[in-house]
Amino acid sequence: QRVQELMKHPAFSIRNPNKVRALIGAFAGQNLVNFHAADGSGYRFLADLVIELNALNPQIASRQLAPLTRWRKYDSARQALMKAELERILASGKLSADVYEVVSKSLAE
């Protein structure tokens, strides 16, 4: 997918919060067709990124979770896919307090 290609560009750094917000935030917030792909690949991509970012910058990781926390607003198939990714993040191991709070509150509501 195009976003993954852009992440390999020399100008992109996952350690730079502004670059992450610009690329990943735009994908999850503006590219609704690909983010909400029926196969769940957009959700999986974002969850993988949040798991990676959790160790590097927990605050940015937790902010990138916002689109997944709105899982109740979508059809049942997408709800299940989004919720599964939130559960996978929760089960991924050592989570920062920031990420844990966002994920656990979303699943508990």
PDB file of N, CA and C in Angstrom:
ATOM      1  N   GLN A   1       0.832  -1.180   0.000  1.00  0.00           N
ATOM      2  CA  GLN A   1       0.000   0.000   0.000  1.00  0.00           C
ATOM      3  C   GLN A   1       0.874   1.240   0.000  1.00  0.00           C
ATOM      4  N   ARG A   2       0.331   2.303  -0.459  1.00  0.00           N
ATOM      5  CA  ARG A   2       1.092   3.543  -0.673  1.00  0.00           C
ATOM      6  C   ARG A   2       1.688   4.106   0.623  1.00  0.00           C
ATOM      7  N   VAL A   3       0.966   4.025   1.713  1.00  0.00           N
ATOM      8  CA  VAL A   3       1.454   4.566   2.981  1.00  0.00           C
ATOM      9  C   VAL A   3       2.709   3.820   3.422  1.00  0.00           C
ATOM     10  N   GLN A   4       2.722   2.516   3.249  1.00  0.00           N
ATOM     11  CA  GLN A   4       3.903   1.732   3.623  1.00  0.00           C
ATOM     12  C   GLN A   4       5.106   2.110   2.768  1.00  0.00           C
ATOM     13  N   GLU A   5       4.874   2.394   1.502  1.00  0.00           N
ATOM     14  CA  GLU A   5       5.958   2.855   0.632  1.00  0.00           C
ATOM     15  C   GLU A   5       6.486   4.201   1.114  1.00  0.00           C
ATOM     16  N   LEU A   6       5.582   5.100   1.480  1.00  0.00           N
ATOM     17  CA  LEU A   6       5.996   6.417   1.961  1.00  0.00           C
ATOM     18  C   LEU A   6       6.763   6.326   3.279  1.00  0.00           C
ATOM     19  N   MET A   7       6.457   5.330   4.088  1.00  0.00           N
ATOM     20  CA  MET A   7       7.180   5.149   5.346  1.00  0.00           C
ATOM     21  C   MET A   7       8.637   4.759   5.110  1.00  0.00           C
ATOM     22  N   LYS A   8       8.935   4.226   3.939  1.00  0.00           N
ATOM     23  CA  LYS A   8      10.312   3.846   3.593  1.00  0.00           C
ATOM     24  C   LYS A   8      11.100   5.010   2.991  1.00  0.00           C
ATOM     25  N   HIS A   9      10.419   6.102   2.716  1.00  0.00           N
ATOM     26  CA  HIS A   9      11.075   7.274   2.122  1.00  0.00           C
ATOM     27  C   HIS A   9      12.083   7.853   3.123  1.00  0.00           C
ATOM     28  N   PRO A  10      13.241   8.310   2.635  1.00  0.00           N
ATOM     29  CA  PRO A  10      14.268   8.859   3.536  1.00  0.00           C
ATOM     30  C   PRO A  10      13.792  10.050   4.378  1.00  0.00           C
ATOM     31  N   ALA A  11      12.814  10.781   3.911  1.00  0.00           N
ATOM     32  CA  ALA A  11      12.329  11.946   4.660  1.00  0.00           C
ATOM     33  C   ALA A  11      11.424  11.556   5.833  1.00  0.00           C
ATOM     34  N   PHE A  12      10.944  10.316   5.837  1.00  0.00           N
ATOM     35  CA  PHE A  12      10.057   9.879   6.911  1.00  0.00           C
ATOM     36  C   PHE A  12      10.866   9.252   8.035  1.00  0.00           C
ATOM     37  N   SER A  13      10.495   9.575   9.255  1.00  0.00           N
ATOM     38  CA  SER A  13      11.084   8.931  10.428  1.00  0.00           C
ATOM     39  C   SER A  13       9.969   8.641  11.417  1.00  0.00           C
ATOM     40  N   ILE A  14       9.881   7.397  11.827  1.00  0.00           N
ATOM     41  CA  ILE A  14       8.840   7.022  12.788  1.00  0.00           C
ATOM     42  C   ILE A  14       9.106   7.668  14.146  1.00  0.00           C
ATOM     43  N   ARG A  15      10.311   8.145  14.345  1.00  0.00           N
ATOM     44  CA  ARG A  15      10.665   8.808  15.603  1.00  0.00           C
ATOM     45  C   ARG A  15      10.285  10.292  15.613  1.00  0.00           C
ATOM     46  N   ASN A  16       9.824  10.798  14.481  1.00  0.00           N
ATOM     47  CA  ASN A  16       9.429  12.200  14.383  1.00  0.00           C
ATOM     48  C   ASN A  16       7.900  12.289  14.489  1.00  0.00           C
ATOM     49  N   PRO A  17       7.395  12.793  15.610  1.00  0.00           N
ATOM     50  CA  PRO A  17       5.938  12.833  15.816  1.00  0.00           C
ATOM     51  C   PRO A  17       5.176  13.579  14.724  1.00  0.00           C
ATOM     52  N   ASN A  18       5.736  14.660  14.213  1.00  0.00           N
ATOM     53  CA  ASN A  18       5.042  15.414  13.170  1.00  0.00           C
ATOM     54  C   ASN A  18       4.906  14.601  11.891  1.00  0.00           C
ATOM     55  N   LYS A  19       5.929  13.840  11.547  1.00  0.00           N
ATOM     56  CA  LYS A  19       5.874  13.003  10.341  1.00  0.00           C
ATOM     57  C   LYS A  19       4.842  11.888  10.527  1.00  0.00           C
ATOM     58  N   VAL A  20       4.818  11.303  11.717  1.00  0.00           N
ATOM     59  CA  VAL A  20       3.849  10.238  12.002  1.00  0.00           C
ATOM     60  C   VAL A  20       2.427  10.785  11.914  1.00  0.00           C
ATOM     61  N   ARG A  21       2.193  11.913  12.557  1.00  0.00           N
ATOM     62  CA  ARG A  21       0.850  12.516  12.515  1.00  0.00           C
ATOM     63  C   ARG A  21       0.442  12.853  11.088  1.00  0.00           C
ATOM     64  N   ALA A  22       1.381  13.407  10.328  1.00  0.00           N
ATOM     65  CA  ALA A  22       1.057  13.822   8.957  1.00  0.00           C
ATOM     66  C   ALA A  22       0.711  12.629   8.077  1.00  0.00           C
ATOM     67  N   LEU A  23       1.507  11.584   8.134  1.00  0.00           N
ATOM     68  CA  LEU A  23       1.292  10.438   7.242  1.00  0.00           C
ATOM     69  C   LEU A  23       0.222   9.488   7.777  1.00  0.00           C
ATOM     70  N   ILE A  24       0.394   9.033   8.986  1.00  0.00           N
ATOM     71  CA  ILE A  24      -0.517   8.030   9.538  1.00  0.00           C
ATOM     72  C   ILE A  24      -1.863   8.653   9.909  1.00  0.00           C
ATOM     73  N   GLY A  25      -1.816   9.843  10.471  1.00  0.00           N
ATOM     74  CA  GLY A  25      -3.060  10.535  10.806  1.00  0.00           C
ATOM     75  C   GLY A  25      -3.900  10.808   9.574  1.00  0.00           C
ATOM     76  N   ALA A  26      -3.239  11.211   8.497  1.00  0.00           N
ATOM     77  CA  ALA A  26      -3.959  11.460   7.243  1.00  0.00           C
ATOM     78  C   ALA A  26      -4.550  10.168   6.691  1.00  0.00           C
ATOM     79  N   PHE A  27      -3.802   9.085   6.780  1.00  0.00           N
ATOM     80  CA  PHE A  27      -4.307   7.799   6.286  1.00  0.00           C
ATOM     81  C   PHE A  27      -5.557   7.376   7.065  1.00  0.00           C
ATOM     82  N   ALA A  28      -5.447   7.335   8.383  1.00  0.00           N
ATOM     83  CA  ALA A  28      -6.552   6.831   9.201  1.00  0.00           C
ATOM     84  C   ALA A  28      -7.725   7.808   9.279  1.00  0.00           C
ATOM     85  N   GLY A  29      -7.448   9.094   9.157  1.00  0.00           N
ATOM     86  CA  GLY A  29      -8.505  10.080   9.304  1.00  0.00           C
ATOM     87  C   GLY A  29      -9.115  10.575   8.010  1.00  0.00           C
ATOM     88  N   GLN A  30      -8.364  10.512   6.919  1.00  0.00           N
ATOM     89  CA  GLN A  30      -8.836  11.089   5.658  1.00  0.00           C
ATOM     90  C   GLN A  30      -9.027  10.066   4.537  1.00  0.00           C
ATOM     91  N   ASN A  31      -8.288   8.973   4.573  1.00  0.00           N
ATOM     92  CA  ASN A  31      -8.374   7.970   3.514  1.00  0.00           C
ATOM     93  C   ASN A  31      -9.342   6.870   3.960  1.00  0.00           C
ATOM     94  N   LEU A  32     -10.599   7.223   4.029  1.00  0.00           N
ATOM     95  CA  LEU A  32     -11.594   6.323   4.602  1.00  0.00           C
ATOM     96  C   LEU A  32     -11.778   5.040   3.806  1.00  0.00           C
ATOM     97  N   VAL A  33     -11.630   5.102   2.506  1.00  0.00           N
ATOM     98  CA  VAL A  33     -11.810   3.903   1.676  1.00  0.00           C
ATOM     99  C   VAL A  33     -10.785   2.842   2.047  1.00  0.00           C
ATOM    100  N   ASN A  34      -9.529   3.220   2.130  1.00  0.00           N
ATOM    101  CA  ASN A  34      -8.485   2.242   2.439  1.00  0.00           C
ATOM    102  C   ASN A  34      -8.401   1.914   3.923  1.00  0.00           C
ATOM    103  N   PHE A  35      -8.626   2.893   4.774  1.00  0.00           N
ATOM    104  CA  PHE A  35      -8.582   2.605   6.210  1.00  0.00           C
ATOM    105  C   PHE A  35      -9.687   1.629   6.589  1.00  0.00           C
ATOM    106  N   HIS A  36     -10.868   1.810   6.032  1.00  0.00           N
ATOM    107  CA  HIS A  36     -12.002   0.941   6.351  1.00  0.00           C
ATOM    108  C   HIS A  36     -12.179  -0.182   5.327  1.00  0.00           C
ATOM    109  N   ALA A  37     -11.098  -0.651   4.745  1.00  0.00           N
ATOM    110  CA  ALA A  37     -11.158  -1.759   3.784  1.00  0.00           C
ATOM    111  C   ALA A  37     -11.877  -2.947   4.425  1.00  0.00           C
ATOM    112  N   ALA A  38     -12.690  -3.614   3.643  1.00  0.00           N
ATOM    113  CA  ALA A  38     -13.520  -4.707   4.158  1.00  0.00           C
ATOM    114  C   ALA A  38     -12.712  -5.851   4.763  1.00  0.00           C
ATOM    115  N   ASP A  39     -11.462  -6.016   4.326  1.00  0.00           N
ATOM    116  CA  ASP A  39     -10.636  -7.103   4.860  1.00  0.00           C
ATOM    117  C   ASP A  39      -9.940  -6.735   6.172  1.00  0.00           C
ATOM    118  N   GLY A  40     -10.114  -5.504   6.637  1.00  0.00           N
ATOM    119  CA  GLY A  40      -9.516  -5.080   7.899  1.00  0.00           C
ATOM    120  C   GLY A  40      -8.049  -4.705   7.816  1.00  0.00           C
ATOM    121  N   SER A  41      -7.500  -4.645   6.608  1.00  0.00           N
ATOM    122  CA  SER A  41      -6.063  -4.367   6.458  1.00  0.00           C
ATOM    123  C   SER A  41      -5.671  -2.982   6.974  1.00  0.00           C
ATOM    124  N   GLY A  42      -6.546  -2.002   6.836  1.00  0.00           N
ATOM    125  CA  GLY A  42      -6.251  -0.666   7.356  1.00  0.00           C
ATOM    126  C   GLY A  42      -6.183  -0.658   8.876  1.00  0.00           C
ATOM    127  N   TYR A  43      -7.077  -1.382   9.508  1.00  0.00           N
ATOM    128  CA  TYR A  43      -7.081  -1.476  10.968  1.00  0.00           C
ATOM    129  C   TYR A  43      -5.837  -2.219  11.456  1.00  0.00           C
ATOM    130  N   ARG A  44      -5.502  -3.301  10.763  1.00  0.00           N
ATOM    131  CA  ARG A  44      -4.326  -4.094  11.118  1.00  0.00           C
ATOM    132  C   ARG A  44      -3.053  -3.253  11.001  1.00  0.00           C
ATOM    133  N   PHE A  45      -2.961  -2.487   9.912  1.00  0.00           N
ATOM    134  CA  PHE A  45      -1.808  -1.613   9.699  1.00  0.00           C
ATOM    135  C   PHE A  45      -1.679  -0.608  10.849  1.00  0.00           C
ATOM    136  N   LEU A  46      -2.776   0.036  11.217  1.00  0.00           N
ATOM    137  CA  LEU A  46      -2.727   1.025  12.290  1.00  0.00           C
ATOM    138  C   LEU A  46      -2.372   0.362  13.621  1.00  0.00           C
ATOM    139  N   ALA A  47      -2.937  -0.799  13.897  1.00  0.00           N
ATOM    140  CA  ALA A  47      -2.630  -1.504  15.144  1.00  0.00           C
ATOM    141  C   ALA A  47      -1.152  -1.887  15.203  1.00  0.00           C
ATOM    142  N   ASP A  48      -0.609  -2.385  14.098  1.00  0.00           N
ATOM    143  CA  ASP A  48       0.821  -2.721  14.055  1.00  0.00           C
ATOM    144  C   ASP A  48       1.669  -1.494  14.356  1.00  0.00           C
ATOM    145  N   LEU A  49       1.288  -0.383  13.780  1.00  0.00           N
ATOM    146  CA  LEU A  49       2.028   0.858  13.979  1.00  0.00           C
ATOM    147  C   LEU A  49       1.935   1.320  15.435  1.00  0.00           C
ATOM    148  N   VAL A  50       0.762   1.236  16.025  1.00  0.00           N
ATOM    149  CA  VAL A  50       0.587   1.637  17.424  1.00  0.00           C
ATOM    150  C   VAL A  50       1.443   0.760  18.330  1.00  0.00           C
ATOM    151  N   ILE A  51       1.489  -0.527  18.056  1.00  0.00           N
ATOM    152  CA  ILE A  51       2.313  -1.435  18.859  1.00  0.00           C
ATOM    153  C   ILE A  51       3.788  -1.033  18.750  1.00  0.00           C
ATOM    154  N   GLU A  52       4.233  -0.697  17.563  1.00  0.00           N
ATOM    155  CA  GLU A  52       5.616  -0.255  17.365  1.00  0.00           C
ATOM    156  C   GLU A  52       5.865   1.093  18.044  1.00  0.00           C
ATOM    157  N   LEU A  53       4.957   2.028  17.857  1.00  0.00           N
ATOM    158  CA  LEU A  53       5.112   3.369  18.438  1.00  0.00           C
ATOM    159  C   LEU A  53       5.030   3.359  19.960  1.00  0.00           C
ATOM    160  N   ASN A  54       4.331   2.414  20.524  1.00  0.00           N
ATOM    161  CA  ASN A  54       4.173   2.331  21.970  1.00  0.00           C
ATOM    162  C   ASN A  54       5.520   2.383  22.681  1.00  0.00           C
ATOM    163  N   ALA A  55       6.516   1.712  22.125  1.00  0.00           N
ATOM    164  CA  ALA A  55       7.847   1.688  22.738  1.00  0.00           C
ATOM    165  C   ALA A  55       8.644   2.960  22.450  1.00  0.00           C
ATOM    166  N   LEU A  56       8.336   3.621  21.350  1.00  0.00           N
ATOM    167  CA  LEU A  56       9.111   4.798  20.934  1.00  0.00           C
ATOM    168  C   LEU A  56       8.535   6.104  21.465  1.00  0.00           C
ATOM    169  N   ASN A  57       7.224   6.254  21.367  1.00  0.00           N
ATOM    170  CA  ASN A  57       6.565   7.495  21.763  1.00  0.00           C
ATOM    171  C   ASN A  57       5.118   7.175  22.156  1.00  0.00           C
ATOM    172  N   PRO A  58       4.910   6.813  23.410  1.00  0.00           N
ATOM    173  CA  PRO A  58       3.578   6.394  23.854  1.00  0.00           C
ATOM    174  C   PRO A  58       2.474   7.425  23.634  1.00  0.00           C
ATOM    175  N   GLN A  59       2.795   8.704  23.757  1.00  0.00           N
ATOM    176  CA  GLN A  59       1.761   9.727  23.567  1.00  0.00           C
ATOM    177  C   GLN A  59       1.273   9.759  22.127  1.00  0.00           C
ATOM    178  N   ILE A  60       2.199   9.690  21.183  1.00  0.00           N
ATOM    179  CA  ILE A  60       1.806   9.667  19.771  1.00  0.00           C
ATOM    180  C   ILE A  60       1.053   8.376  19.467  1.00  0.00           C
ATOM    181  N   ALA A  61       1.525   7.268  20.030  1.00  0.00           N
ATOM    182  CA  ALA A  61       0.842   5.987  19.820  1.00  0.00           C
ATOM    183  C   ALA A  61      -0.609   6.073  20.282  1.00  0.00           C
ATOM    184  N   SER A  62      -0.819   6.637  21.455  1.00  0.00           N
ATOM    185  CA  SER A  62      -2.187   6.710  21.982  1.00  0.00           C
ATOM    186  C   SER A  62      -3.065   7.636  21.145  1.00  0.00           C
ATOM    187  N   ARG A  63      -2.487   8.686  20.607  1.00  0.00           N
ATOM    188  CA  ARG A  63      -3.276   9.608  19.772  1.00  0.00           C
ATOM    189  C   ARG A  63      -3.647   8.989  18.426  1.00  0.00           C
ATOM    190  N   GLN A  64      -2.792   8.118  17.924  1.00  0.00           N
ATOM    191  CA  GLN A  64      -3.087   7.473  16.644  1.00  0.00           C
ATOM    192  C   GLN A  64      -4.226   6.462  16.772  1.00  0.00           C
ATOM    193  N   LEU A  65      -4.551   6.087  17.992  1.00  0.00           N
ATOM    194  CA  LEU A  65      -5.620   5.109  18.234  1.00  0.00           C
ATOM    195  C   LEU A  65      -7.032   5.653  18.017  1.00  0.00           C
ATOM    196  N   ALA A  66      -7.183   6.950  17.991  1.00  0.00           N
ATOM    197  CA  ALA A  66      -8.524   7.553  17.944  1.00  0.00           C
ATOM    198  C   ALA A  66      -9.455   6.936  16.899  1.00  0.00           C
ATOM    199  N   PRO A  67      -9.021   6.724  15.655  1.00  0.00           N
ATOM    200  CA  PRO A  67      -9.962   6.150  14.675  1.00  0.00           C
ATOM    201  C   PRO A  67     -10.467   4.752  15.060  1.00  0.00           C
ATOM    202  N   LEU A  68      -9.636   3.964  15.726  1.00  0.00           N
ATOM    203  CA  LEU A  68     -10.075   2.623  16.134  1.00  0.00           C
ATOM    204  C   LEU A  68     -11.048   2.677  17.310  1.00  0.00           C
ATOM    205  N   THR A  69     -10.956   3.722  18.115  1.00  0.00           N
ATOM    206  CA  THR A  69     -11.835   3.804  19.287  1.00  0.00           C
ATOM    207  C   THR A  69     -13.274   4.145  18.917  1.00  0.00           C
ATOM    208  N   ARG A  70     -13.487   4.501  17.683  1.00  0.00           N
ATOM    209  CA  ARG A  70     -14.852   4.822  17.215  1.00  0.00           C
ATOM    210  C   ARG A  70     -15.532   3.598  16.588  1.00  0.00           C
ATOM    211  N   TRP A  71     -15.128   2.416  16.979  1.00  0.00           N
ATOM    212  CA  TRP A  71     -15.581   1.189  16.335  1.00  0.00           C
ATOM    213  C   TRP A  71     -17.090   0.990  16.405  1.00  0.00           C
ATOM    214  N   ARG A  72     -17.749   1.532  17.383  1.00  0.00           N
ATOM    215  CA  ARG A  72     -19.204   1.338  17.514  1.00  0.00           C
ATOM    216  C   ARG A  72     -20.016   2.057  16.438  1.00  0.00           C
ATOM    217  N   LYS A  73     -19.403   2.971  15.713  1.00  0.00           N
ATOM    218  CA  LYS A  73     -20.116   3.768  14.709  1.00  0.00           C
ATOM    219  C   LYS A  73     -20.244   3.072  13.355  1.00  0.00           C
ATOM    220  N   TYR A  74     -19.682   1.879  13.231  1.00  0.00           N
ATOM    221  CA  TYR A  74     -19.634   1.222  11.921  1.00  0.00           C
ATOM    222  C   TYR A  74     -20.474  -0.048  11.904  1.00  0.00           C
ATOM    223  N   ASP A  75     -20.600  -0.639  10.729  1.00  0.00           N
ATOM    224  CA  ASP A  75     -21.384  -1.869  10.588  1.00  0.00           C
ATOM    225  C   ASP A  75     -20.752  -2.989  11.414  1.00  0.00           C
ATOM    226  N   SER A  76     -21.520  -4.028  11.665  1.00  0.00           N
ATOM    227  CA  SER A  76     -21.084  -5.090  12.578  1.00  0.00           C
ATOM    228  C   SER A  76     -19.798  -5.779  12.127  1.00  0.00           C
ATOM    229  N   ALA A  77     -19.600  -5.947  10.828  1.00  0.00           N
ATOM    230  CA  ALA A  77     -18.373  -6.591  10.342  1.00  0.00           C
ATOM    231  C   ALA A  77     -17.153  -5.737  10.675  1.00  0.00           C
ATOM    232  N   ARG A  78     -17.255  -4.443  10.421  1.00  0.00           N
ATOM    233  CA  ARG A  78     -16.130  -3.547  10.717  1.00  0.00           C
ATOM    234  C   ARG A  78     -15.943  -3.379  12.228  1.00  0.00           C
ATOM    235  N   GLN A  79     -17.035  -3.371  12.958  1.00  0.00           N
ATOM    236  CA  GLN A  79     -16.929  -3.303  14.418  1.00  0.00           C
ATOM    237  C   GLN A  79     -16.092  -4.463  14.939  1.00  0.00           C
ATOM    238  N   ALA A  80     -16.373  -5.650  14.443  1.00  0.00           N
ATOM    239  CA  ALA A  80     -15.644  -6.837  14.893  1.00  0.00           C
ATOM    240  C   ALA A  80     -14.164  -6.742  14.545  1.00  0.00           C
ATOM    241  N   LEU A  81     -13.863  -6.270  13.340  1.00  0.00           N
ATOM    242  CA  LEU A  81     -12.464  -6.138  12.920  1.00  0.00           C
ATOM    243  C   LEU A  81     -11.729  -5.088  13.746  1.00  0.00           C
ATOM    244  N   MET A  82     -12.363  -3.955  13.973  1.00  0.00           N
ATOM    245  CA  MET A  82     -11.730  -2.880  14.749  1.00  0.00           C
ATOM    246  C   MET A  82     -11.534  -3.307  16.205  1.00  0.00           C
ATOM    247  N   LYS A  83     -12.540  -3.929  16.766  1.00  0.00           N
ATOM    248  CA  LYS A  83     -12.455  -4.383  18.157  1.00  0.00           C
ATOM    249  C   LYS A  83     -11.365  -5.446  18.310  1.00  0.00           C
ATOM    250  N   ALA A  84     -11.254  -6.331  17.327  1.00  0.00           N
ATOM    251  CA  ALA A  84     -10.212  -7.364  17.372  1.00  0.00           C
ATOM    252  C   ALA A  84      -8.818  -6.742  17.381  1.00  0.00           C
ATOM    253  N   GLU A  85      -8.631  -5.674  16.628  1.00  0.00           N
ATOM    254  CA  GLU A  85      -7.322  -5.008  16.617  1.00  0.00           C
ATOM    255  C   GLU A  85      -7.046  -4.321  17.950  1.00  0.00           C
ATOM    256  N   LEU A  86      -8.054  -3.723  18.551  1.00  0.00           N
ATOM    257  CA  LEU A  86      -7.874  -3.132  19.879  1.00  0.00           C
ATOM    258  C   LEU A  86      -7.505  -4.208  20.898  1.00  0.00           C
ATOM    259  N   GLU A  87      -8.163  -5.360  20.811  1.00  0.00           N
ATOM    260  CA  GLU A  87      -7.852  -6.467  21.720  1.00  0.00           C
ATOM    261  C   GLU A  87      -6.445  -6.997  21.479  1.00  0.00           C
ATOM    262  N   ARG A  88      -6.024  -7.019  20.219  1.00  0.00           N
ATOM    263  CA  ARG A  88      -4.661  -7.469  19.891  1.00  0.00           C
ATOM    264  C   ARG A  88      -3.630  -6.501  20.473  1.00  0.00           C
ATOM    265  N   ILE A  89      -3.907  -5.208  20.386  1.00  0.00           N
ATOM    266  CA  ILE A  89      -3.003  -4.214  20.980  1.00  0.00           C
ATOM    267  C   ILE A  89      -2.916  -4.445  22.487  1.00  0.00           C
ATOM    268  N   LEU A  90      -4.050  -4.642  23.124  1.00  0.00           N
ATOM    269  CA  LEU A  90      -4.098  -4.856  24.567  1.00  0.00           C
ATOM    270  C   LEU A  90      -3.301  -6.094  24.974  1.00  0.00           C
ATOM    271  N   ALA A  91      -3.336  -7.132  24.148  1.00  0.00           N
ATOM    272  CA  ALA A  91      -2.645  -8.387  24.452  1.00  0.00           C
ATOM    273  C   ALA A  91      -1.190  -8.405  23.983  1.00  0.00           C
ATOM    274  N   SER A  92      -0.725  -7.313  23.401  1.00  0.00           N
ATOM    275  CA  SER A  92       0.600  -7.319  22.763  1.00  0.00           C
ATOM    276  C   SER A  92       1.780  -7.301  23.726  1.00  0.00           C
ATOM    277  N   GLY A  93       1.525  -7.097  24.984  1.00  0.00           N
ATOM    278  CA  GLY A  93       2.648  -7.089  25.925  1.00  0.00           C
ATOM    279  C   GLY A  93       2.682  -5.813  26.725  1.00  0.00           C
ATOM    280  N   LYS A  94       3.877  -5.341  26.971  1.00  0.00           N
ATOM    281  CA  LYS A  94       4.052  -4.148  27.803  1.00  0.00           C
ATOM    282  C   LYS A  94       3.513  -2.908  27.103  1.00  0.00           C
ATOM    283  N   LEU A  95       2.386  -2.445  27.569  1.00  0.00           N
ATOM    284  CA  LEU A  95       1.799  -1.229  27.008  1.00  0.00           C
ATOM    285  C   LEU A  95       2.087  -0.058  27.931  1.00  0.00           C
ATOM    286  N   SER A  96       2.308   1.082  27.337  1.00  0.00           N
ATOM    287  CA  SER A  96       2.458   2.303  28.123  1.00  0.00           C
ATOM    288  C   SER A  96       1.115   2.618  28.775  1.00  0.00           C
ATOM    289  N   ALA A  97       1.162   3.431  29.805  1.00  0.00           N
ATOM    290  CA  ALA A  97      -0.075   3.840  30.477  1.00  0.00           C
ATOM    291  C   ALA A  97      -0.996   4.576  29.509  1.00  0.00           C
ATOM    292  N   ASP A  98      -0.403   5.383  28.609  1.00  0.00           N
ATOM    293  CA  ASP A  98      -1.197   6.152  27.641  1.00  0.00           C
ATOM    294  C   ASP A  98      -1.999   5.234  26.724  1.00  0.00           C
ATOM    295  N   VAL A  99      -1.315   4.278  26.117  1.00  0.00           N
ATOM    296  CA  VAL A  99      -1.969   3.367  25.172  1.00  0.00           C
ATOM    297  C   VAL A  99      -2.960   2.469  25.909  1.00  0.00           C
ATOM    298  N   TYR A 100      -2.553   1.943  27.059  1.00  0.00           N
ATOM    299  CA  TYR A 100      -3.439   1.077  27.829  1.00  0.00           C
ATOM    300  C   TYR A 100      -4.748   1.790  28.171  1.00  0.00           C
ATOM    301  N   GLU A 101      -4.649   3.034  28.605  1.00  0.00           N
ATOM    302  CA  GLU A 101      -5.842   3.793  28.986  1.00  0.00           C
ATOM    303  C   GLU A 101      -6.807   3.955  27.812  1.00  0.00           C
ATOM    304  N   VAL A 102      -6.291   4.338  26.652  1.00  0.00           N
ATOM    305  CA  VAL A 102      -7.150   4.563  25.487  1.00  0.00           C
ATOM    306  C   VAL A 102      -7.810   3.259  25.043  1.00  0.00           C
ATOM    307  N   VAL A 103      -7.022   2.189  24.954  1.00  0.00           N
ATOM    308  CA  VAL A 103      -7.553   0.904  24.487  1.00  0.00           C
ATOM    309  C   VAL A 103      -8.558   0.338  25.484  1.00  0.00           C
ATOM    310  N   SER A 104      -8.194   0.304  26.747  1.00  0.00           N
ATOM    311  CA  SER A 104      -9.087  -0.301  27.740  1.00  0.00           C
ATOM    312  C   SER A 104     -10.395   0.479  27.882  1.00  0.00           C
ATOM    313  N   LYS A 105     -10.334   1.802  27.825  1.00  0.00           N
ATOM    314  CA  LYS A 105     -11.571   2.594  27.900  1.00  0.00           C
ATOM    315  C   LYS A 105     -12.458   2.346  26.686  1.00  0.00           C
ATOM    316  N   SER A 106     -11.854   2.237  25.527  1.00  0.00           N
ATOM    317  CA  SER A 106     -12.636   2.005  24.314  1.00  0.00           C
ATOM    318  C   SER A 106     -13.344   0.653  24.363  1.00  0.00           C
ATOM    319  N   LEU A 107     -12.649  -0.355  24.843  1.00  0.00           N
ATOM    320  CA  LEU A 107     -13.238  -1.691  24.904  1.00  0.00           C
ATOM    321  C   LEU A 107     -14.275  -1.804  26.021  1.00  0.00           C
ATOM    322  N   ALA A 108     -14.125  -1.011  27.069  1.00  0.00           N
ATOM    323  CA  ALA A 108     -15.031  -1.092  28.217  1.00  0.00           C
ATOM    324  C   ALA A 108     -16.346  -0.359  27.995  1.00  0.00           C
ATOM    325  N   GLU A 109     -16.346   0.633  27.143  1.00  0.00           N
ATOM    326  CA  GLU A 109     -17.547   1.463  26.953  1.00  0.00           C
ATOM    327  C   GLU A 109     -18.713   0.668  26.423  1.00  0.00           C
TER     328      GLU A 109
END
